[in-house]
Amino acid sequence: TSNTFSKNNSTRFIAIGHLYPIMNEDQKLNKFANKINDYNPDYIFILGDSGLEDKKIFNKYKKIFKAKLFFSPGEQEIKKSSENYKKNVGYFNLLIEEKDSRFILLNSSEKLETVKKNLNNLLKNDFENGPTIILTNHRIWDDTLLSKKPLQHDKSYYFKDIYPLIKGKVDFIFAGNGKRQYFRDLEDRLNYGKQNVNVIHWLDKVGD
């Protein structure tokens, strides 16, 4: 899925995730990249489960996407090789401050204590010039699907444990993971997640 947030003369970005079904199909991937590039964003954020631990795939993304490219890890990359992911990307969490927006790339596959520590560090300074946006793999605002342990398909912590840390500091959260478990209207005829054919945009609002 992809999302854009922009105003006239403001920072433009596109967030995408779950590229693994097409990451080895160059024709489809190039067509997708061309469409993304046509929007001429300042930033492109790839939010996990996209083969980011694979140097060949990672270099392919760097070549075909024309904007500044940044990443948040999914549980797939971390489980396959967190070491290779770190070598390719260079970070697991990152803060980016633009003239009119602040982006926080968050590793949502960690255990609660680590996620809280990272959020406290990334949000320790106020930002008054525009929105603060968290970009992550898991839907950290949703408690309907939980994993028992970190590094699984869904987060392993409750939103109530995170919300006090971000309340009044974060304006938007974008996640690369979809809620395909609640959309079972497509027949099981593919060997990968149905969210990649039946596109899902899940929107929720909490507080401000």
N, C-alpha and C. Protein backbone atom coordinates (compact mmCIF):
# COMPACT_ATOMS: atom_id res chain seq x y z
N THR A 1 0.84 -1.18 0.00
CA THR A 1 0.00 0.00 0.00
C THR A 1 0.89 1.23 0.00
N SER A 2 0.33 2.36 -0.39
CA SER A 2 1.10 3.59 -0.39
C SER A 2 0.26 4.72 0.14
N ASN A 3 0.90 5.68 0.77
CA ASN A 3 0.22 6.84 1.31
C ASN A 3 1.08 8.06 1.04
N THR A 4 0.42 9.20 0.79
CA THR A 4 1.16 10.44 0.60
C THR A 4 0.59 11.50 1.51
N PHE A 5 1.43 12.42 1.95
CA PHE A 5 1.01 13.56 2.75
C PHE A 5 1.74 14.77 2.21
N SER A 6 1.00 15.75 1.71
CA SER A 6 1.68 16.91 1.15
C SER A 6 0.79 18.13 1.14
N LYS A 7 1.41 19.30 1.15
CA LYS A 7 0.76 20.57 0.91
C LYS A 7 1.65 21.32 -0.08
N ASN A 8 1.16 22.43 -0.56
CA ASN A 8 1.97 23.22 -1.48
C ASN A 8 3.28 23.61 -0.81
N ASN A 9 4.40 23.34 -1.50
CA ASN A 9 5.73 23.71 -1.04
C ASN A 9 6.15 23.02 0.25
N SER A 10 5.45 21.95 0.63
CA SER A 10 5.84 21.23 1.84
C SER A 10 6.52 19.92 1.46
N THR A 11 7.12 19.29 2.44
CA THR A 11 7.80 18.02 2.22
C THR A 11 6.81 16.96 1.75
N ARG A 12 7.16 16.28 0.69
CA ARG A 12 6.31 15.24 0.11
C ARG A 12 6.95 13.87 0.34
N PHE A 13 6.13 12.90 0.77
CA PHE A 13 6.67 11.56 0.98
C PHE A 13 5.66 10.51 0.56
N ILE A 14 6.19 9.34 0.25
CA ILE A 14 5.37 8.18 -0.05
C ILE A 14 5.85 7.03 0.83
N ALA A 15 4.92 6.34 1.47
CA ALA A 15 5.25 5.19 2.32
C ALA A 15 4.70 3.93 1.69
N ILE A 16 5.54 2.92 1.57
CA ILE A 16 5.14 1.64 0.97
C ILE A 16 5.66 0.50 1.84
N GLY A 17 5.09 -0.67 1.68
CA GLY A 17 5.53 -1.82 2.46
C GLY A 17 5.11 -3.11 1.79
N HIS A 18 5.60 -4.23 2.34
CA HIS A 18 5.25 -5.56 1.83
C HIS A 18 5.53 -5.70 0.34
N LEU A 19 6.74 -5.42 -0.06
CA LEU A 19 7.11 -5.55 -1.47
C LEU A 19 7.59 -6.96 -1.82
N TYR A 20 7.59 -7.87 -0.85
CA TYR A 20 8.19 -9.18 -1.11
C TYR A 20 7.53 -9.97 -2.25
N PRO A 21 6.21 -9.81 -2.55
CA PRO A 21 5.66 -10.59 -3.66
C PRO A 21 6.22 -10.21 -5.03
N ILE A 22 6.71 -8.97 -5.18
CA ILE A 22 7.21 -8.54 -6.49
C ILE A 22 8.69 -8.19 -6.48
N MET A 23 9.38 -8.39 -5.36
CA MET A 23 10.76 -7.91 -5.28
C MET A 23 11.71 -8.62 -6.23
N ASN A 24 11.33 -9.81 -6.71
CA ASN A 24 12.16 -10.53 -7.67
C ASN A 24 11.57 -10.52 -9.08
N GLU A 25 10.49 -9.78 -9.26
CA GLU A 25 9.86 -9.66 -10.58
C GLU A 25 10.13 -8.26 -11.11
N ASP A 26 11.22 -8.13 -11.84
CA ASP A 26 11.72 -6.82 -12.23
C ASP A 26 10.72 -6.00 -13.05
N GLN A 27 9.97 -6.65 -13.92
CA GLN A 27 9.03 -5.90 -14.75
C GLN A 27 7.95 -5.23 -13.88
N LYS A 28 7.39 -5.98 -12.95
CA LYS A 28 6.36 -5.43 -12.07
C LYS A 28 6.95 -4.38 -11.13
N LEU A 29 8.13 -4.67 -10.58
CA LEU A 29 8.76 -3.76 -9.64
C LEU A 29 9.13 -2.44 -10.31
N ASN A 30 9.66 -2.50 -11.53
CA ASN A 30 10.03 -1.29 -12.25
C ASN A 30 8.80 -0.45 -12.61
N LYS A 31 7.72 -1.13 -12.99
CA LYS A 31 6.47 -0.41 -13.30
C LYS A 31 5.96 0.30 -12.05
N PHE A 32 6.02 -0.39 -10.92
CA PHE A 32 5.60 0.21 -9.65
C PHE A 32 6.50 1.39 -9.29
N ALA A 33 7.81 1.22 -9.42
CA ALA A 33 8.75 2.29 -9.08
C ALA A 33 8.54 3.52 -9.97
N ASN A 34 8.28 3.30 -11.25
CA ASN A 34 8.05 4.42 -12.16
C ASN A 34 6.82 5.23 -11.73
N LYS A 35 5.78 4.50 -11.28
CA LYS A 35 4.57 5.19 -10.82
C LYS A 35 4.87 6.02 -9.58
N ILE A 36 5.62 5.44 -8.65
CA ILE A 36 6.00 6.16 -7.43
C ILE A 36 6.85 7.38 -7.77
N ASN A 37 7.82 7.19 -8.66
CA ASN A 37 8.72 8.29 -9.03
C ASN A 37 7.97 9.43 -9.72
N ASP A 38 6.89 9.11 -10.43
CA ASP A 38 6.10 10.14 -11.11
C ASP A 38 5.53 11.18 -10.15
N TYR A 39 5.33 10.79 -8.89
CA TYR A 39 4.81 11.73 -7.89
C TYR A 39 5.88 12.70 -7.41
N ASN A 40 7.14 12.42 -7.75
CA ASN A 40 8.26 13.29 -7.40
C ASN A 40 8.31 13.60 -5.90
N PRO A 41 8.30 12.56 -5.05
CA PRO A 41 8.36 12.81 -3.61
C PRO A 41 9.76 13.21 -3.16
N ASP A 42 9.84 13.86 -2.01
CA ASP A 42 11.14 14.14 -1.41
C ASP A 42 11.71 12.89 -0.76
N TYR A 43 10.82 12.10 -0.17
CA TYR A 43 11.23 10.88 0.52
C TYR A 43 10.35 9.71 0.09
N ILE A 44 10.96 8.53 0.06
CA ILE A 44 10.22 7.28 -0.06
C ILE A 44 10.63 6.43 1.14
N PHE A 45 9.62 5.95 1.87
CA PHE A 45 9.87 5.11 3.04
C PHE A 45 9.38 3.69 2.74
N ILE A 46 10.26 2.71 2.86
CA ILE A 46 9.88 1.30 2.70
C ILE A 46 9.76 0.72 4.09
N LEU A 47 8.55 0.26 4.45
CA LEU A 47 8.23 -0.09 5.82
C LEU A 47 8.22 -1.60 6.06
N GLY A 48 9.27 -2.25 5.64
CA GLY A 48 9.50 -3.64 6.04
C GLY A 48 8.87 -4.70 5.17
N ASP A 49 9.27 -5.95 5.45
CA ASP A 49 8.82 -7.15 4.74
C ASP A 49 9.03 -6.98 3.24
N SER A 50 10.22 -6.52 2.89
CA SER A 50 10.53 -6.21 1.49
C SER A 50 11.92 -6.69 1.08
N GLY A 51 12.44 -7.70 1.78
CA GLY A 51 13.74 -8.26 1.41
C GLY A 51 14.90 -7.34 1.70
N LEU A 52 14.78 -6.49 2.69
CA LEU A 52 15.81 -5.48 2.97
C LEU A 52 17.10 -6.07 3.52
N GLU A 53 17.05 -7.33 3.93
CA GLU A 53 18.27 -8.00 4.41
C GLU A 53 19.11 -8.55 3.26
N ASP A 54 18.54 -8.55 2.06
CA ASP A 54 19.19 -9.08 0.86
C ASP A 54 19.89 -7.93 0.13
N LYS A 55 21.20 -7.98 0.04
CA LYS A 55 21.97 -6.89 -0.56
C LYS A 55 21.55 -6.62 -2.00
N LYS A 56 21.29 -7.67 -2.75
CA LYS A 56 20.88 -7.50 -4.15
C LYS A 56 19.55 -6.77 -4.24
N ILE A 57 18.57 -7.16 -3.42
CA ILE A 57 17.27 -6.51 -3.42
C ILE A 57 17.39 -5.07 -2.94
N PHE A 58 18.17 -4.88 -1.88
CA PHE A 58 18.36 -3.54 -1.33
C PHE A 58 18.97 -2.60 -2.37
N ASN A 59 19.98 -3.06 -3.08
CA ASN A 59 20.62 -2.24 -4.11
C ASN A 59 19.67 -1.96 -5.26
N LYS A 60 18.78 -2.91 -5.54
CA LYS A 60 17.79 -2.70 -6.60
C LYS A 60 16.85 -1.55 -6.23
N TYR A 61 16.41 -1.52 -4.99
CA TYR A 61 15.55 -0.42 -4.54
C TYR A 61 16.27 0.92 -4.65
N LYS A 62 17.54 0.94 -4.26
CA LYS A 62 18.31 2.18 -4.31
C LYS A 62 18.44 2.69 -5.76
N LYS A 63 18.44 1.75 -6.69
CA LYS A 63 18.61 2.11 -8.10
C LYS A 63 17.30 2.59 -8.73
N ILE A 64 16.19 1.93 -8.44
CA ILE A 64 14.95 2.21 -9.18
C ILE A 64 14.11 3.33 -8.57
N PHE A 65 14.26 3.57 -7.24
CA PHE A 65 13.51 4.66 -6.63
C PHE A 65 14.39 5.92 -6.62
N LYS A 66 13.84 7.04 -7.07
CA LYS A 66 14.64 8.23 -7.33
C LYS A 66 14.68 9.23 -6.19
N ALA A 67 13.84 9.10 -5.18
CA ALA A 67 13.85 10.03 -4.05
C ALA A 67 14.81 9.55 -2.97
N LYS A 68 14.99 10.34 -1.92
CA LYS A 68 15.74 9.89 -0.76
C LYS A 68 15.00 8.70 -0.16
N LEU A 69 15.74 7.63 0.08
CA LEU A 69 15.12 6.37 0.46
C LEU A 69 15.50 6.00 1.89
N PHE A 70 14.46 5.69 2.71
CA PHE A 70 14.69 5.29 4.09
C PHE A 70 13.83 4.08 4.42
N PHE A 71 14.13 3.41 5.55
CA PHE A 71 13.55 2.09 5.80
C PHE A 71 13.18 1.90 7.27
N SER A 72 12.12 1.12 7.49
CA SER A 72 11.82 0.55 8.79
C SER A 72 11.79 -0.96 8.61
N PRO A 73 12.35 -1.72 9.55
CA PRO A 73 12.40 -3.18 9.36
C PRO A 73 11.08 -3.86 9.68
N GLY A 74 10.79 -4.92 8.92
CA GLY A 74 9.70 -5.82 9.27
C GLY A 74 10.26 -7.03 9.98
N GLU A 75 9.36 -7.83 10.53
CA GLU A 75 9.85 -9.02 11.23
C GLU A 75 10.54 -10.00 10.29
N GLN A 76 10.18 -9.97 9.00
CA GLN A 76 10.81 -10.88 8.04
C GLN A 76 12.31 -10.60 7.92
N GLU A 77 12.66 -9.33 7.74
CA GLU A 77 14.08 -8.98 7.60
C GLU A 77 14.87 -9.30 8.87
N ILE A 78 14.29 -8.98 10.01
CA ILE A 78 15.00 -9.18 11.28
C ILE A 78 15.22 -10.67 11.54
N LYS A 79 14.19 -11.48 11.27
CA LYS A 79 14.32 -12.92 11.52
C LYS A 79 15.29 -13.57 10.56
N LYS A 80 15.29 -13.13 9.30
CA LYS A 80 16.20 -13.74 8.32
C LYS A 80 17.64 -13.36 8.58
N SER A 81 17.90 -12.08 8.85
CA SER A 81 19.27 -11.66 9.19
C SER A 81 19.26 -10.20 9.64
N SER A 82 19.18 -10.00 10.94
CA SER A 82 19.25 -8.63 11.44
C SER A 82 20.62 -8.01 11.16
N GLU A 83 21.65 -8.86 11.13
CA GLU A 83 23.00 -8.38 10.84
C GLU A 83 23.09 -7.84 9.42
N ASN A 84 22.55 -8.57 8.45
CA ASN A 84 22.58 -8.11 7.06
C ASN A 84 21.70 -6.87 6.87
N TYR A 85 20.57 -6.84 7.56
CA TYR A 85 19.72 -5.65 7.48
C TYR A 85 20.50 -4.43 7.95
N LYS A 86 21.18 -4.56 9.09
CA LYS A 86 21.95 -3.43 9.64
C LYS A 86 23.07 -3.03 8.68
N LYS A 87 23.72 -4.02 8.05
CA LYS A 87 24.78 -3.71 7.09
C LYS A 87 24.23 -2.92 5.91
N ASN A 88 23.08 -3.32 5.42
CA ASN A 88 22.49 -2.66 4.25
C ASN A 88 21.94 -1.28 4.59
N VAL A 89 21.12 -1.23 5.61
CA VAL A 89 20.37 0.00 5.93
C VAL A 89 21.19 0.95 6.80
N GLY A 90 21.87 0.40 7.80
CA GLY A 90 22.71 1.22 8.65
C GLY A 90 22.08 1.59 9.99
N TYR A 91 20.81 1.31 10.18
CA TYR A 91 20.11 1.68 11.41
C TYR A 91 18.85 0.80 11.55
N PHE A 92 18.32 0.73 12.76
CA PHE A 92 17.02 0.11 13.01
C PHE A 92 15.97 1.17 13.34
N ASN A 93 16.40 2.26 13.95
CA ASN A 93 15.53 3.39 14.29
C ASN A 93 16.24 4.66 13.83
N LEU A 94 15.45 5.65 13.39
CA LEU A 94 16.07 6.86 12.85
C LEU A 94 15.14 8.05 13.01
N LEU A 95 15.73 9.21 13.28
CA LEU A 95 15.00 10.47 13.35
C LEU A 95 15.41 11.35 12.18
N ILE A 96 14.43 11.87 11.44
CA ILE A 96 14.69 12.78 10.33
C ILE A 96 13.87 14.05 10.57
N GLU A 97 14.53 15.20 10.63
CA GLU A 97 13.84 16.47 10.81
C GLU A 97 13.97 17.32 9.56
N GLU A 98 12.83 17.63 8.96
CA GLU A 98 12.77 18.51 7.81
C GLU A 98 12.30 19.89 8.27
N LYS A 99 12.25 20.82 7.34
CA LYS A 99 11.85 22.19 7.69
C LYS A 99 10.41 22.24 8.17
N ASP A 100 9.58 21.30 7.73
CA ASP A 100 8.15 21.36 8.06
C ASP A 100 7.58 20.03 8.53
N SER A 101 8.42 19.07 8.86
CA SER A 101 7.93 17.77 9.32
C SER A 101 9.07 17.00 9.98
N ARG A 102 8.67 16.10 10.88
CA ARG A 102 9.64 15.23 11.56
C ARG A 102 9.19 13.79 11.36
N PHE A 103 10.12 12.96 10.89
CA PHE A 103 9.84 11.55 10.63
C PHE A 103 10.60 10.68 11.63
N ILE A 104 9.91 9.70 12.18
CA ILE A 104 10.53 8.75 13.10
C ILE A 104 10.36 7.36 12.52
N LEU A 105 11.48 6.75 12.16
CA LEU A 105 11.47 5.38 11.66
C LEU A 105 11.69 4.46 12.85
N LEU A 106 10.72 3.60 13.13
CA LEU A 106 10.70 2.81 14.36
C LEU A 106 10.70 1.32 14.06
N ASN A 107 11.59 0.60 14.74
CA ASN A 107 11.60 -0.86 14.67
C ASN A 107 10.53 -1.40 15.61
N SER A 108 9.40 -1.81 15.06
CA SER A 108 8.26 -2.26 15.87
C SER A 108 8.33 -3.74 16.22
N SER A 109 9.38 -4.44 15.81
CA SER A 109 9.52 -5.86 16.11
C SER A 109 10.20 -6.12 17.46
N GLU A 110 10.65 -5.05 18.12
CA GLU A 110 11.33 -5.21 19.39
C GLU A 110 10.34 -5.49 20.52
N LYS A 111 10.86 -5.90 21.68
CA LYS A 111 10.03 -6.07 22.86
C LYS A 111 9.63 -4.70 23.40
N LEU A 112 8.61 -4.68 24.24
CA LEU A 112 8.03 -3.43 24.72
C LEU A 112 9.06 -2.50 25.34
N GLU A 113 9.92 -3.02 26.21
CA GLU A 113 10.87 -2.17 26.90
C GLU A 113 11.78 -1.44 25.92
N THR A 114 12.18 -2.12 24.85
CA THR A 114 13.07 -1.52 23.86
C THR A 114 12.33 -0.48 23.02
N VAL A 115 11.09 -0.79 22.63
CA VAL A 115 10.30 0.17 21.86
C VAL A 115 10.08 1.44 22.66
N LYS A 116 9.75 1.31 23.93
CA LYS A 116 9.54 2.47 24.79
C LYS A 116 10.81 3.29 24.93
N LYS A 117 11.92 2.62 25.13
CA LYS A 117 13.21 3.32 25.25
C LYS A 117 13.53 4.09 23.97
N ASN A 118 13.31 3.46 22.82
CA ASN A 118 13.60 4.12 21.55
C ASN A 118 12.68 5.31 21.32
N LEU A 119 11.40 5.16 21.63
CA LEU A 119 10.46 6.27 21.46
C LEU A 119 10.82 7.44 22.36
N ASN A 120 11.15 7.15 23.61
CA ASN A 120 11.54 8.22 24.53
C ASN A 120 12.75 8.99 24.01
N ASN A 121 13.70 8.27 23.44
CA ASN A 121 14.90 8.91 22.91
C ASN A 121 14.59 9.72 21.65
N LEU A 122 13.79 9.15 20.76
CA LEU A 122 13.49 9.81 19.50
C LEU A 122 12.57 11.02 19.68
N LEU A 123 11.78 11.03 20.74
CA LEU A 123 10.82 12.11 20.97
C LEU A 123 11.23 13.04 22.10
N LYS A 124 12.47 12.96 22.52
CA LYS A 124 12.90 13.74 23.69
C LYS A 124 12.88 15.24 23.45
N ASN A 125 13.06 15.67 22.20
CA ASN A 125 13.03 17.10 21.88
C ASN A 125 11.71 17.45 21.20
N ASP A 126 11.17 18.64 21.54
CA ASP A 126 9.94 19.10 20.91
C ASP A 126 10.20 19.50 19.47
N PHE A 127 9.14 19.41 18.64
CA PHE A 127 9.23 19.84 17.24
C PHE A 127 7.98 20.65 16.94
N GLU A 128 8.16 21.91 16.62
CA GLU A 128 7.02 22.83 16.46
C GLU A 128 6.77 23.25 15.01
N ASN A 129 7.60 22.79 14.07
CA ASN A 129 7.52 23.30 12.69
C ASN A 129 6.52 22.57 11.81
N GLY A 130 5.93 21.49 12.32
CA GLY A 130 4.99 20.73 11.51
C GLY A 130 4.70 19.40 12.18
N PRO A 131 4.09 18.47 11.44
CA PRO A 131 3.70 17.20 12.04
C PRO A 131 4.89 16.29 12.35
N THR A 132 4.72 15.48 13.38
CA THR A 132 5.64 14.38 13.68
C THR A 132 4.97 13.09 13.24
N ILE A 133 5.69 12.30 12.45
CA ILE A 133 5.11 11.13 11.79
C ILE A 133 5.95 9.90 12.13
N ILE A 134 5.32 8.88 12.70
CA ILE A 134 5.98 7.61 12.93
C ILE A 134 5.75 6.71 11.73
N LEU A 135 6.82 6.10 11.24
CA LEU A 135 6.76 5.17 10.12
C LEU A 135 7.31 3.84 10.60
N THR A 136 6.50 2.79 10.53
CA THR A 136 6.86 1.53 11.15
C THR A 136 6.24 0.37 10.39
N ASN A 137 6.59 -0.84 10.76
CA ASN A 137 6.03 -2.01 10.09
C ASN A 137 4.70 -2.42 10.69
N HIS A 138 4.63 -2.56 12.00
CA HIS A 138 3.42 -3.04 12.65
C HIS A 138 2.44 -1.92 12.93
N ARG A 139 1.18 -2.28 13.07
CA ARG A 139 0.13 -1.32 13.40
C ARG A 139 0.12 -1.13 14.91
N ILE A 140 0.94 -0.23 15.43
CA ILE A 140 1.10 -0.13 16.88
C ILE A 140 -0.13 0.46 17.57
N TRP A 141 -1.08 1.02 16.79
CA TRP A 141 -2.28 1.58 17.40
C TRP A 141 -3.40 0.56 17.52
N ASP A 142 -3.21 -0.67 17.05
CA ASP A 142 -4.27 -1.67 16.96
C ASP A 142 -3.98 -2.84 17.89
N ASP A 143 -4.93 -3.18 18.76
CA ASP A 143 -4.75 -4.27 19.71
C ASP A 143 -5.60 -5.49 19.37
N THR A 144 -6.22 -5.53 18.20
CA THR A 144 -7.08 -6.67 17.87
C THR A 144 -6.28 -7.89 17.44
N LEU A 145 -5.03 -7.68 17.04
CA LEU A 145 -4.16 -8.79 16.65
C LEU A 145 -2.82 -8.62 17.34
N LEU A 146 -2.48 -9.56 18.22
CA LEU A 146 -1.24 -9.47 18.98
C LEU A 146 -0.44 -10.76 18.83
N SER A 147 0.87 -10.62 18.75
CA SER A 147 1.76 -11.78 18.81
C SER A 147 2.22 -11.97 20.26
N LYS A 148 2.47 -13.21 20.63
CA LYS A 148 2.89 -13.50 22.00
C LYS A 148 4.30 -13.01 22.27
N LYS A 149 5.14 -13.01 21.24
CA LYS A 149 6.54 -12.65 21.41
C LYS A 149 6.96 -11.65 20.34
N PRO A 150 8.07 -10.93 20.57
CA PRO A 150 8.61 -10.07 19.50
C PRO A 150 9.03 -10.90 18.28
N LEU A 151 9.30 -10.21 17.18
CA LEU A 151 9.77 -10.82 15.93
C LEU A 151 8.74 -11.75 15.31
N GLN A 152 7.45 -11.51 15.57
CA GLN A 152 6.40 -12.29 14.93
C GLN A 152 5.57 -11.37 14.05
N HIS A 153 4.52 -11.92 13.43
CA HIS A 153 3.79 -11.18 12.42
C HIS A 153 3.16 -9.89 12.95
N ASP A 154 2.67 -9.93 14.19
CA ASP A 154 2.04 -8.75 14.79
C ASP A 154 2.85 -8.29 15.99
N LYS A 155 2.57 -7.09 16.42
CA LYS A 155 3.29 -6.56 17.58
C LYS A 155 2.98 -7.38 18.82
N SER A 156 3.82 -7.26 19.84
CA SER A 156 3.66 -8.06 21.06
C SER A 156 3.41 -7.18 22.28
N TYR A 157 2.92 -5.94 22.06
CA TYR A 157 2.68 -5.01 23.16
C TYR A 157 1.38 -4.26 22.89
N TYR A 158 0.78 -3.73 23.94
CA TYR A 158 -0.49 -3.04 23.81
C TYR A 158 -0.31 -1.55 23.52
N PHE A 159 -1.29 -1.00 22.81
CA PHE A 159 -1.24 0.42 22.49
C PHE A 159 -1.24 1.26 23.76
N LYS A 160 -1.93 0.82 24.80
CA LYS A 160 -1.98 1.59 26.05
C LYS A 160 -0.59 1.77 26.67
N ASP A 161 0.34 0.86 26.33
CA ASP A 161 1.71 0.98 26.82
C ASP A 161 2.52 2.00 26.02
N ILE A 162 2.08 2.29 24.81
CA ILE A 162 2.79 3.20 23.91
C ILE A 162 2.16 4.59 23.89
N TYR A 163 0.84 4.65 23.96
CA TYR A 163 0.13 5.92 23.77
C TYR A 163 0.60 7.04 24.71
N PRO A 164 0.81 6.78 26.01
CA PRO A 164 1.28 7.87 26.87
C PRO A 164 2.60 8.48 26.41
N LEU A 165 3.42 7.73 25.72
CA LEU A 165 4.71 8.24 25.26
C LEU A 165 4.58 9.13 24.04
N ILE A 166 3.52 8.92 23.24
CA ILE A 166 3.39 9.66 21.99
C ILE A 166 2.28 10.70 22.04
N LYS A 167 1.43 10.67 23.08
CA LYS A 167 0.31 11.59 23.18
C LYS A 167 0.80 13.03 23.18
N GLY A 168 0.25 13.84 22.27
CA GLY A 168 0.64 15.23 22.16
C GLY A 168 1.95 15.47 21.44
N LYS A 169 2.62 14.39 21.03
CA LYS A 169 3.91 14.51 20.36
C LYS A 169 3.89 13.98 18.94
N VAL A 170 2.96 13.09 18.63
CA VAL A 170 2.90 12.43 17.33
C VAL A 170 1.57 12.73 16.66
N ASP A 171 1.62 13.11 15.38
CA ASP A 171 0.41 13.48 14.65
C ASP A 171 -0.11 12.36 13.75
N PHE A 172 0.80 11.57 13.19
CA PHE A 172 0.39 10.50 12.28
C PHE A 172 1.27 9.27 12.49
N ILE A 173 0.68 8.11 12.25
CA ILE A 173 1.43 6.85 12.22
C ILE A 173 1.08 6.14 10.92
N PHE A 174 2.10 5.75 10.16
CA PHE A 174 1.91 4.93 8.97
C PHE A 174 2.59 3.59 9.17
N ALA A 175 1.88 2.53 8.84
CA ALA A 175 2.42 1.17 9.01
C ALA A 175 2.41 0.43 7.69
N GLY A 176 3.41 -0.41 7.49
CA GLY A 176 3.51 -1.19 6.26
C GLY A 176 2.72 -2.48 6.30
N ASN A 177 2.33 -2.91 7.49
CA ASN A 177 1.63 -4.17 7.66
C ASN A 177 0.13 -3.97 7.49
N GLY A 178 -0.55 -4.95 6.90
CA GLY A 178 -1.99 -4.85 6.68
C GLY A 178 -2.76 -5.80 7.57
N LYS A 179 -4.10 -5.59 7.64
CA LYS A 179 -4.96 -6.42 8.48
C LYS A 179 -5.68 -7.46 7.64
N ARG A 180 -4.96 -8.26 6.91
CA ARG A 180 -5.61 -9.20 6.00
C ARG A 180 -6.45 -10.23 6.73
N GLN A 181 -6.16 -10.48 8.02
CA GLN A 181 -6.92 -11.48 8.75
C GLN A 181 -8.40 -11.12 8.86
N TYR A 182 -8.73 -9.83 8.73
CA TYR A 182 -10.12 -9.39 8.83
C TYR A 182 -10.80 -9.24 7.47
N PHE A 183 -10.07 -9.55 6.40
CA PHE A 183 -10.62 -9.41 5.06
C PHE A 183 -10.45 -10.74 4.33
N ARG A 184 -11.38 -11.66 4.56
CA ARG A 184 -11.23 -13.03 4.06
C ARG A 184 -12.12 -13.27 2.83
N ASP A 185 -12.46 -12.23 2.09
CA ASP A 185 -13.40 -12.38 0.99
C ASP A 185 -12.73 -12.85 -0.30
N LEU A 186 -11.41 -12.97 -0.30
CA LEU A 186 -10.71 -13.42 -1.49
C LEU A 186 -10.31 -14.88 -1.32
N GLU A 187 -10.53 -15.69 -2.36
CA GLU A 187 -10.22 -17.11 -2.26
C GLU A 187 -8.73 -17.33 -2.07
N ASP A 188 -8.38 -18.40 -1.36
CA ASP A 188 -6.98 -18.74 -1.12
C ASP A 188 -6.39 -19.40 -2.36
N ARG A 189 -5.96 -18.59 -3.29
CA ARG A 189 -5.37 -19.14 -4.51
C ARG A 189 -3.95 -18.62 -4.74
N LEU A 190 -3.44 -17.87 -3.76
CA LEU A 190 -2.08 -17.36 -3.87
C LEU A 190 -1.28 -17.82 -2.66
N ASN A 191 0.02 -17.90 -2.81
CA ASN A 191 0.86 -18.42 -1.73
C ASN A 191 1.48 -17.32 -0.89
N TYR A 192 0.95 -16.10 -0.98
CA TYR A 192 1.43 -15.02 -0.13
C TYR A 192 0.23 -14.22 0.36
N GLY A 193 0.45 -13.30 1.26
CA GLY A 193 -0.61 -12.57 1.92
C GLY A 193 -1.58 -11.89 0.96
N LYS A 194 -2.86 -12.06 1.21
CA LYS A 194 -3.87 -11.52 0.30
C LYS A 194 -3.92 -10.01 0.30
N GLN A 195 -3.30 -9.35 1.29
CA GLN A 195 -3.29 -7.89 1.29
C GLN A 195 -2.57 -7.34 0.08
N ASN A 196 -1.81 -8.18 -0.60
CA ASN A 196 -1.06 -7.72 -1.76
C ASN A 196 -1.90 -7.73 -3.04
N VAL A 197 -3.09 -8.34 -2.98
CA VAL A 197 -3.98 -8.29 -4.13
C VAL A 197 -5.25 -7.54 -3.80
N ASN A 198 -5.73 -7.69 -2.59
CA ASN A 198 -6.92 -6.97 -2.14
C ASN A 198 -6.45 -5.85 -1.22
N VAL A 199 -6.11 -4.72 -1.80
CA VAL A 199 -5.40 -3.66 -1.08
C VAL A 199 -6.24 -3.15 0.08
N ILE A 200 -5.61 -3.00 1.24
CA ILE A 200 -6.30 -2.58 2.45
C ILE A 200 -5.68 -1.29 2.96
N HIS A 201 -6.52 -0.28 3.19
CA HIS A 201 -6.10 0.93 3.89
C HIS A 201 -6.89 0.98 5.18
N TRP A 202 -6.22 0.81 6.29
CA TRP A 202 -6.88 0.78 7.60
C TRP A 202 -6.63 2.10 8.29
N LEU A 203 -7.70 2.80 8.62
CA LEU A 203 -7.58 4.14 9.20
C LEU A 203 -8.23 4.16 10.57
N ASP A 204 -7.57 4.74 11.53
CA ASP A 204 -8.11 4.89 12.88
C ASP A 204 -7.65 6.23 13.43
N LYS A 205 -8.39 6.78 14.38
CA LYS A 205 -8.00 8.02 15.03
C LYS A 205 -8.11 7.87 16.54
N VAL A 206 -7.06 8.27 17.23
CA VAL A 206 -7.02 8.22 18.69
C VAL A 206 -6.62 9.60 19.19
N GLY A 207 -7.46 10.22 20.02
CA GLY A 207 -7.15 11.55 20.53
C GLY A 207 -6.97 12.55 19.39
N ASP A 208 -5.84 13.23 19.38
CA ASP A 208 -5.57 14.22 18.33
C ASP A 208 -4.84 13.63 17.13
